[in-house]
């Protein structure tokens, strides 16, 4: 006959087994509660040869930081404004935050969505989900560029792009936002004179004429480019007529009345030209045929009078450079009042509206109510 079971003994055995299991779980929890600490510059340590440099860097980093990671907060610390108890079944990532102005220290769980933000309202979870947890431990965590694409973490947060992916970046320039990634390398003014062949004045029914571009781009040398044009032709200040050079277009010929030095009037044929770029000057103008007094100090010059021969052109332009993104370092030239796209940001058109004496420029993105100031590059 089987021996009758003893309920008390069975309960004792079950209790012992549960106790051992609970104890084992507790040991496992204590071992596993050591959280993995994201690598930060707080752990910087050099070799013996680099010890002085490492020490100097550490001192600098410690001065800049106001936060540090702790594995287990001291008993009695405050976590999320509540007394902290040692976790048993989970292992949060606890960060000790020093508030120097208040001379106090608190501890928060960065995985707790209700925890206070360590960086001006940017959720702690944003740093974690974007794999830049080390930036959480830096006082300048929002000001640094974690992925090296030229944009700060704060700029990436505002644009909803990834701060850990250099191929995910905000627009280099956009309407309604003052931030941009451009700088001015140089500004300049190119001077030129458009001269029309003198024989045109005496041609009653002209169909074409020769013009000469006298350019003074270096300030001393005057170059001459001569070519024939007819109504509908386009050209630029270099004399190009390749179809892509749309700076000026010949409108046609017309009769104009001019006065000589003693008041005698005569009718002459002249050339009407349209400037396809300027916004502030005359869109169309008439060029009187004849030799232009180009030499400095020339006597009896008619420059600036109603009888002026030729057309003075002063073109201001700027060389801009991209400072972020895959096209960082690329430079390009833009003429005043010209429309352009920023390399790497070709989806939006911009216009160069002004150039000031300090070498800065104003650029207006398409759709913007006001222009954006682009500063001169630091030397």
Protein backbone atom coordinates (compact mmCIF):
# COMPACT_ATOMS: atom_id res chain seq x y z
CA UNK A 1 0.00 0.00 0.00
CA UNK A 2 1.43 3.32 -1.05
CA UNK A 3 2.61 5.62 1.66
CA UNK A 4 0.15 8.46 2.22
CA UNK A 5 1.51 11.85 1.15
CA UNK A 6 2.23 14.48 3.71
CA UNK A 7 0.68 17.83 2.62
CA UNK A 8 2.87 19.81 5.02
CA UNK A 9 6.05 18.27 3.71
CA UNK A 10 5.01 18.84 0.09
CA UNK A 11 4.25 22.46 0.80
CA UNK A 12 7.66 22.84 2.43
CA UNK A 13 9.42 21.30 -0.58
CA UNK A 14 7.51 23.56 -2.99
CA UNK A 15 8.36 26.58 -0.87
CA UNK A 16 12.07 25.68 -0.88
CA UNK A 17 12.04 25.26 -4.66
CA UNK A 18 10.28 28.60 -5.16
CA UNK A 19 12.77 30.23 -2.81
CA UNK A 20 15.72 28.86 -4.75
CA UNK A 21 14.16 29.99 -8.03
CA UNK A 22 13.49 33.46 -6.65
CA UNK A 23 17.03 33.66 -5.26
CA UNK A 24 18.48 32.64 -8.62
CA UNK A 25 16.36 35.23 -10.38
CA UNK A 26 17.50 37.85 -7.92
CA UNK A 27 21.17 36.98 -8.54
CA UNK A 28 20.57 37.10 -12.29
CA UNK A 29 18.83 40.47 -11.97
CA UNK A 30 21.68 41.89 -9.87
CA UNK A 31 24.23 40.72 -12.44
CA UNK A 32 22.20 41.87 -15.40
CA UNK A 33 21.29 45.21 -13.82
CA UNK A 34 24.64 46.56 -14.86
CA UNK A 35 23.49 48.57 -17.81
CA UNK A 36 25.58 48.98 -20.93
CA UNK A 37 26.97 52.45 -20.90
CA UNK A 38 27.14 54.25 -24.26
CA UNK A 39 30.69 55.15 -25.13
CA UNK A 40 31.34 58.83 -24.49
CA UNK A 41 34.36 61.03 -24.15
CA UNK A 42 33.99 60.60 -20.38
CA UNK A 43 35.74 57.25 -20.85
CA UNK A 44 38.65 58.79 -22.74
CA UNK A 45 41.94 57.29 -21.71
CA UNK A 46 45.16 57.39 -23.59
CA UNK A 47 48.31 55.36 -23.61
CA UNK A 48 51.29 56.44 -21.54
CA UNK A 49 52.58 58.47 -24.47
CA UNK A 50 49.22 60.20 -24.85
CA UNK A 51 48.45 60.61 -21.16
CA UNK A 52 49.09 64.36 -21.04
CA UNK A 53 46.89 64.96 -24.10
CA UNK A 54 44.18 62.67 -22.76
CA UNK A 55 44.24 64.41 -19.41
CA UNK A 56 43.92 67.81 -21.06
CA UNK A 57 41.05 66.62 -23.24
CA UNK A 58 39.30 65.07 -20.26
CA UNK A 59 39.61 68.28 -18.27
CA UNK A 60 38.14 70.23 -21.17
CA UNK A 61 35.28 67.74 -21.64
CA UNK A 62 34.49 67.68 -17.92
CA UNK A 63 34.24 71.45 -17.93
CA UNK A 64 31.84 71.44 -20.88
CA UNK A 65 29.59 68.68 -19.61
CA UNK A 66 26.89 68.99 -17.00
CA UNK A 67 25.71 65.38 -17.23
CA UNK A 68 27.21 61.94 -16.71
CA UNK A 69 26.05 58.33 -16.83
CA UNK A 70 25.68 56.23 -13.68
CA UNK A 71 25.01 52.49 -13.64
CA UNK A 72 23.17 52.46 -10.34
CA UNK A 73 22.05 55.65 -8.66
CA UNK A 74 22.87 55.93 -4.95
CA UNK A 75 20.12 54.92 -2.57
CA UNK A 76 18.01 57.88 -1.59
CA UNK A 77 18.51 59.61 -4.96
CA UNK A 78 15.51 61.08 -6.69
CA UNK A 79 14.43 59.50 -10.01
CA UNK A 80 11.84 61.41 -12.02
CA UNK A 81 11.03 63.39 -8.88
CA UNK A 82 10.38 60.25 -6.87
CA UNK A 83 12.56 58.29 -4.39
CA UNK A 84 14.54 55.66 -6.25
CA UNK A 85 14.33 51.96 -5.46
CA UNK A 86 16.72 49.35 -6.84
CA UNK A 87 15.05 47.71 -9.88
CA UNK A 88 14.43 43.96 -9.69
CA UNK A 89 12.95 42.79 -12.98
CA UNK A 90 14.28 45.49 -15.32
CA UNK A 91 17.42 47.49 -15.83
CA UNK A 92 16.79 51.10 -16.81
CA UNK A 93 19.51 53.41 -18.02
CA UNK A 94 19.95 55.90 -15.23
CA UNK A 95 21.65 59.21 -15.79
CA UNK A 96 22.86 61.53 -13.10
CA UNK A 97 22.21 65.16 -13.99
CA UNK A 98 24.08 67.97 -12.28
CA UNK A 99 22.37 71.33 -12.24
CA UNK A 100 25.24 73.63 -11.41
CA UNK A 101 23.15 76.76 -11.02
CA UNK A 102 21.10 75.07 -8.29
CA UNK A 103 23.98 73.02 -6.89
CA UNK A 104 21.88 69.89 -6.92
CA UNK A 105 21.97 66.46 -8.52
CA UNK A 106 19.11 64.32 -9.70
CA UNK A 107 18.87 60.97 -11.50
CA UNK A 108 16.50 60.13 -14.32
CA UNK A 109 15.72 57.06 -16.40
CA UNK A 110 16.33 58.12 -20.00
CA UNK A 111 14.03 55.34 -21.26
CA UNK A 112 11.11 56.70 -19.30
CA UNK A 113 8.97 58.79 -21.70
CA UNK A 114 7.84 60.91 -18.76
CA UNK A 115 11.38 61.78 -17.75
CA UNK A 116 12.53 65.36 -18.15
CA UNK A 117 14.44 66.21 -21.33
CA UNK A 118 18.18 66.60 -20.89
CA UNK A 119 18.41 68.97 -23.85
CA UNK A 120 15.95 71.84 -24.12
CA UNK A 121 12.82 69.87 -24.82
CA UNK A 122 14.33 67.40 -27.29
CA UNK A 123 13.10 63.98 -26.09
CA UNK A 124 15.77 61.70 -24.65
CA UNK A 125 14.28 58.93 -26.77
CA UNK A 126 15.23 60.87 -29.93
CA UNK A 127 18.93 60.51 -29.10
CA UNK A 128 18.49 56.82 -28.28
CA UNK A 129 16.43 55.89 -31.34
CA UNK A 130 18.91 57.70 -33.61
CA UNK A 131 21.94 55.91 -32.11
CA UNK A 132 23.59 59.04 -30.70
CA UNK A 133 23.18 58.29 -26.98
CA UNK A 134 26.70 59.58 -26.37
CA UNK A 135 25.48 63.09 -27.29
CA UNK A 136 23.08 62.92 -24.35
CA UNK A 137 26.04 63.07 -21.98
CA UNK A 138 27.38 66.28 -23.47
CA UNK A 139 26.29 69.75 -22.52
CA UNK A 140 26.69 70.67 -26.20
CA UNK A 141 24.84 67.56 -27.39
CA UNK A 142 22.54 69.56 -29.66
CA UNK A 143 25.30 71.77 -31.05
CA UNK A 144 27.56 68.97 -32.26
CA UNK A 145 27.34 67.24 -35.65
CA UNK A 146 27.13 63.54 -34.84
CA UNK A 147 27.17 62.24 -38.43
CA UNK A 148 29.57 64.79 -39.93
CA UNK A 149 27.21 66.01 -42.65
CA UNK A 150 27.57 69.69 -41.72
CA UNK A 151 24.31 69.96 -39.77
CA UNK A 152 24.07 70.09 -35.98
CA UNK A 153 21.92 67.63 -34.09
CA UNK A 154 19.50 70.47 -33.31
CA UNK A 155 19.15 71.27 -37.01
CA UNK A 156 18.56 67.59 -37.78
CA UNK A 157 15.91 67.39 -35.04
CA UNK A 158 14.10 70.44 -36.41
CA UNK A 159 14.15 69.05 -39.96
CA UNK A 160 13.16 65.53 -38.82
CA UNK A 161 16.21 63.99 -40.46
CA UNK A 162 18.61 61.41 -39.04
CA UNK A 163 21.55 62.78 -37.01
CA UNK A 164 23.41 59.49 -37.47
CA UNK A 165 23.08 59.18 -41.26
CA UNK A 166 25.15 61.60 -43.41
CA UNK A 167 22.83 60.91 -46.34
CA UNK A 168 19.78 62.12 -44.40
CA UNK A 169 20.09 65.86 -44.07
CA UNK A 170 17.96 69.04 -44.07
CA UNK A 171 17.71 71.35 -47.11
CA UNK A 172 20.77 73.54 -47.63
CA UNK A 173 18.46 76.55 -48.00
CA UNK A 174 14.69 76.92 -47.91
CA UNK A 175 11.99 79.57 -47.82
CA UNK A 176 10.85 80.80 -44.44
CA UNK A 177 13.90 79.59 -42.53
CA UNK A 178 16.99 81.69 -41.82
CA UNK A 179 19.29 78.68 -41.52
CA UNK A 180 21.31 77.87 -44.61
CA UNK A 181 24.58 76.24 -45.60
CA UNK A 182 26.16 78.86 -47.82
CA UNK A 183 28.99 81.34 -47.43
CA UNK A 184 30.44 84.07 -49.64
CA UNK A 185 33.97 83.40 -50.92
CA UNK A 186 34.34 86.61 -52.95
CA UNK A 187 32.42 89.43 -54.62
CA UNK A 188 33.43 91.48 -57.64
CA UNK A 189 32.25 93.94 -60.28
CA UNK A 190 32.95 93.26 -63.95
CA UNK A 191 32.89 96.30 -66.25
CA UNK A 192 32.30 96.23 -69.98
CA UNK A 193 31.22 98.42 -72.89
CA UNK A 194 29.04 97.29 -75.78
CA UNK A 195 30.04 99.18 -78.94
CA UNK A 196 28.05 99.18 -82.20
CA UNK A 197 29.70 99.53 -85.62
CA UNK A 198 29.75 103.19 -86.76
CA UNK A 199 28.48 102.42 -90.28
CA UNK A 200 25.15 101.38 -88.81
CA UNK A 201 24.30 105.05 -88.22
CA UNK A 202 24.25 105.70 -91.97
CA UNK A 203 22.42 102.51 -93.00
CA UNK A 204 18.80 103.39 -93.79
CA UNK A 205 17.48 99.80 -93.62
CA UNK A 206 19.95 97.66 -91.65
CA UNK A 207 19.45 93.91 -91.27
CA UNK A 208 22.57 93.18 -89.22
CA UNK A 209 25.52 94.96 -87.67
CA UNK A 210 28.80 94.28 -85.91
CA UNK A 211 29.18 94.87 -82.22
CA UNK A 212 32.28 94.78 -80.06
CA UNK A 213 32.45 93.87 -76.37
CA UNK A 214 35.18 95.84 -74.61
CA UNK A 215 35.60 94.09 -71.25
CA UNK A 216 37.61 95.40 -68.34
CA UNK A 217 37.55 92.49 -65.93
CA UNK A 218 41.00 92.91 -64.37
CA UNK A 219 40.77 96.66 -63.91
CA UNK A 220 43.60 97.34 -66.38
CA UNK A 221 43.21 95.26 -69.52
CA UNK A 222 40.62 95.99 -72.16
CA UNK A 223 39.74 93.08 -74.40
CA UNK A 224 37.74 93.36 -77.62
CA UNK A 225 35.42 90.67 -78.98
CA UNK A 226 33.80 91.56 -82.34
CA UNK A 227 30.92 89.64 -83.93
CA UNK A 228 27.85 90.21 -86.10
CA UNK A 229 24.29 90.18 -84.77
CA UNK A 230 20.78 90.43 -86.19
CA UNK A 231 17.39 90.76 -84.50
CA UNK A 232 16.66 87.75 -82.28
CA UNK A 233 20.32 86.91 -81.57
CA UNK A 234 21.46 86.57 -77.95
CA UNK A 235 24.94 87.06 -76.52
CA UNK A 236 26.81 87.64 -73.26
CA UNK A 237 29.69 89.88 -72.20
CA UNK A 238 32.25 87.33 -73.35
CA UNK A 239 30.83 87.48 -76.88
CA UNK A 240 29.38 83.97 -76.78
CA UNK A 241 26.46 83.29 -79.08
CA UNK A 242 26.05 79.55 -78.48
CA UNK A 243 22.33 79.55 -77.76
CA UNK A 244 22.88 79.15 -74.02
CA UNK A 245 24.15 82.71 -73.53
CA UNK A 246 20.92 84.61 -72.98
CA UNK A 247 22.22 87.67 -71.14
CA UNK A 248 21.36 90.14 -73.95
CA UNK A 249 18.99 89.78 -76.90
CA UNK A 250 18.95 92.01 -80.00
CA UNK A 251 15.44 93.44 -80.30
CA UNK A 252 15.98 95.25 -83.60
CA UNK A 253 16.95 98.52 -85.29
CA UNK A 254 15.26 101.89 -84.97
CA UNK A 255 15.73 105.54 -85.93
CA UNK A 256 16.94 107.96 -83.26
CA UNK A 257 17.56 111.72 -83.37
CA UNK A 258 20.81 113.03 -81.88
CA UNK A 259 22.37 116.50 -81.53
CA UNK A 260 25.97 117.33 -82.27
CA UNK A 261 28.20 119.61 -80.21
CA UNK A 262 26.78 122.79 -81.80
CA UNK A 263 23.14 121.74 -81.62
CA UNK A 264 22.61 120.39 -85.11
CA UNK A 265 20.25 117.41 -85.12
CA UNK A 266 20.44 114.33 -87.29
CA UNK A 267 18.61 111.02 -87.57
CA UNK A 268 20.63 107.83 -87.21
CA UNK A 269 20.03 104.09 -87.10
CA UNK A 270 20.65 102.57 -83.66
CA UNK A 271 20.48 99.13 -82.05
CA UNK A 272 17.87 98.20 -79.42
CA UNK A 273 18.95 95.51 -76.96
CA UNK A 274 17.11 93.78 -74.11
CA UNK A 275 18.89 92.88 -70.84
CA UNK A 276 17.39 89.55 -69.78
CA UNK A 277 18.90 89.59 -66.29
CA UNK A 278 18.69 93.01 -64.69
CA UNK A 279 15.85 93.74 -62.29
CA UNK A 280 16.84 97.22 -61.21
CA UNK A 281 18.08 98.74 -64.49
CA UNK A 282 16.50 99.25 -67.88
CA UNK A 283 15.23 96.05 -69.40
CA UNK A 284 15.68 97.52 -72.88
CA UNK A 285 18.05 100.23 -74.09
CA UNK A 286 19.22 101.77 -77.35
CA UNK A 287 22.91 101.82 -78.30
CA UNK A 288 24.06 104.68 -80.53
CA UNK A 289 26.48 103.56 -83.22
CA UNK A 290 30.01 104.89 -83.32
CA UNK A 291 33.38 104.79 -81.62
CA UNK A 292 33.25 104.66 -77.83
CA UNK A 293 35.72 106.79 -75.89
CA UNK A 294 37.18 104.03 -73.73
CA UNK A 295 40.53 105.57 -72.84
CA UNK A 296 40.82 106.98 -69.29
CA UNK A 297 41.01 110.77 -69.37
CA UNK A 298 39.76 111.02 -72.96
CA UNK A 299 38.79 114.59 -73.84
CA UNK A 300 35.38 115.65 -75.09
CA UNK A 301 33.94 112.37 -73.89
CA UNK A 302 30.22 111.97 -74.48
CA UNK A 303 29.91 109.30 -71.74
CA UNK A 304 26.91 110.09 -69.57
CA UNK A 305 25.28 112.45 -72.08
CA UNK A 306 22.28 111.82 -74.34
CA UNK A 307 24.77 111.45 -77.17
CA UNK A 308 26.68 108.62 -75.52
CA UNK A 309 27.99 106.02 -77.93
CA UNK A 310 28.14 102.47 -76.72
CA UNK A 311 26.65 101.07 -73.52
CA UNK A 312 28.39 100.79 -70.15
CA UNK A 313 27.68 97.55 -68.26
CA UNK A 314 28.64 97.04 -64.61
CA UNK A 315 27.95 93.48 -63.50
CA UNK A 316 28.27 92.61 -59.82
CA UNK A 317 28.62 88.94 -58.95
CA UNK A 318 29.49 86.68 -56.03
CA UNK A 319 31.28 83.37 -55.59
CA UNK A 320 29.35 81.21 -53.12
CA UNK A 321 30.42 78.02 -51.39
CA UNK A 322 28.34 75.13 -50.02
CA UNK A 323 29.26 74.28 -46.41
CA UNK A 324 27.30 71.06 -45.77
CA UNK A 325 26.06 67.90 -47.41
CA UNK A 326 27.70 65.82 -50.15
CA UNK A 327 28.53 68.99 -52.13
CA UNK A 328 30.29 70.67 -49.20
CA UNK A 329 33.22 72.77 -50.43
CA UNK A 330 31.82 73.29 -53.94
CA UNK A 331 31.96 76.89 -55.17
CA UNK A 332 29.87 78.52 -57.89
CA UNK A 333 29.45 82.00 -59.36
CA UNK A 334 26.19 83.94 -59.35
CA UNK A 335 25.54 87.31 -60.94
CA UNK A 336 23.51 89.98 -59.15
CA UNK A 337 19.78 89.50 -59.84
CA UNK A 338 20.45 86.08 -61.34
CA UNK A 339 18.39 82.98 -60.50
CA UNK A 340 20.26 79.83 -59.45
CA UNK A 341 20.05 76.51 -57.62
CA UNK A 342 22.36 75.58 -54.78
CA UNK A 343 24.42 72.47 -55.68
CA UNK A 344 22.94 69.61 -53.68
CA UNK A 345 19.66 71.51 -53.24
CA UNK A 346 18.39 71.79 -56.82
CA UNK A 347 14.71 71.48 -55.94
CA UNK A 348 14.41 75.15 -55.05
CA UNK A 349 15.39 78.24 -57.04
CA UNK A 350 17.04 81.25 -55.41
CA UNK A 351 17.83 84.78 -56.54
CA UNK A 352 20.87 86.86 -55.63
CA UNK A 353 19.22 90.13 -54.61
CA UNK A 354 22.02 92.32 -53.29
CA UNK A 355 25.74 92.55 -52.54
CA UNK A 356 26.99 94.94 -49.87
CA UNK A 357 30.33 96.61 -49.30
CA UNK A 358 31.25 94.16 -46.53
CA UNK A 359 31.14 91.22 -48.94
CA UNK A 360 27.91 89.66 -47.69
CA UNK A 361 24.95 88.96 -49.95
CA UNK A 362 21.19 88.57 -49.69
CA UNK A 363 19.62 85.53 -51.30
CA UNK A 364 15.87 85.03 -51.64
CA UNK A 365 14.64 81.43 -51.96
CA UNK A 366 11.63 80.92 -54.19
CA UNK A 367 8.44 81.66 -52.24
CA UNK A 368 10.21 83.46 -49.39
CA UNK A 369 8.78 86.74 -48.09
CA UNK A 370 12.21 88.11 -47.23
CA UNK A 371 15.80 87.40 -48.29
CA UNK A 372 18.36 85.43 -46.30
CA UNK A 373 21.68 86.99 -45.35
CA UNK A 374 24.69 84.93 -46.46
CA UNK A 375 27.87 85.95 -44.58
CA UNK A 376 31.39 86.24 -45.87
CA UNK A 377 33.52 83.15 -45.28
CA UNK A 378 35.94 83.34 -42.37
CA UNK A 379 39.55 83.63 -43.39
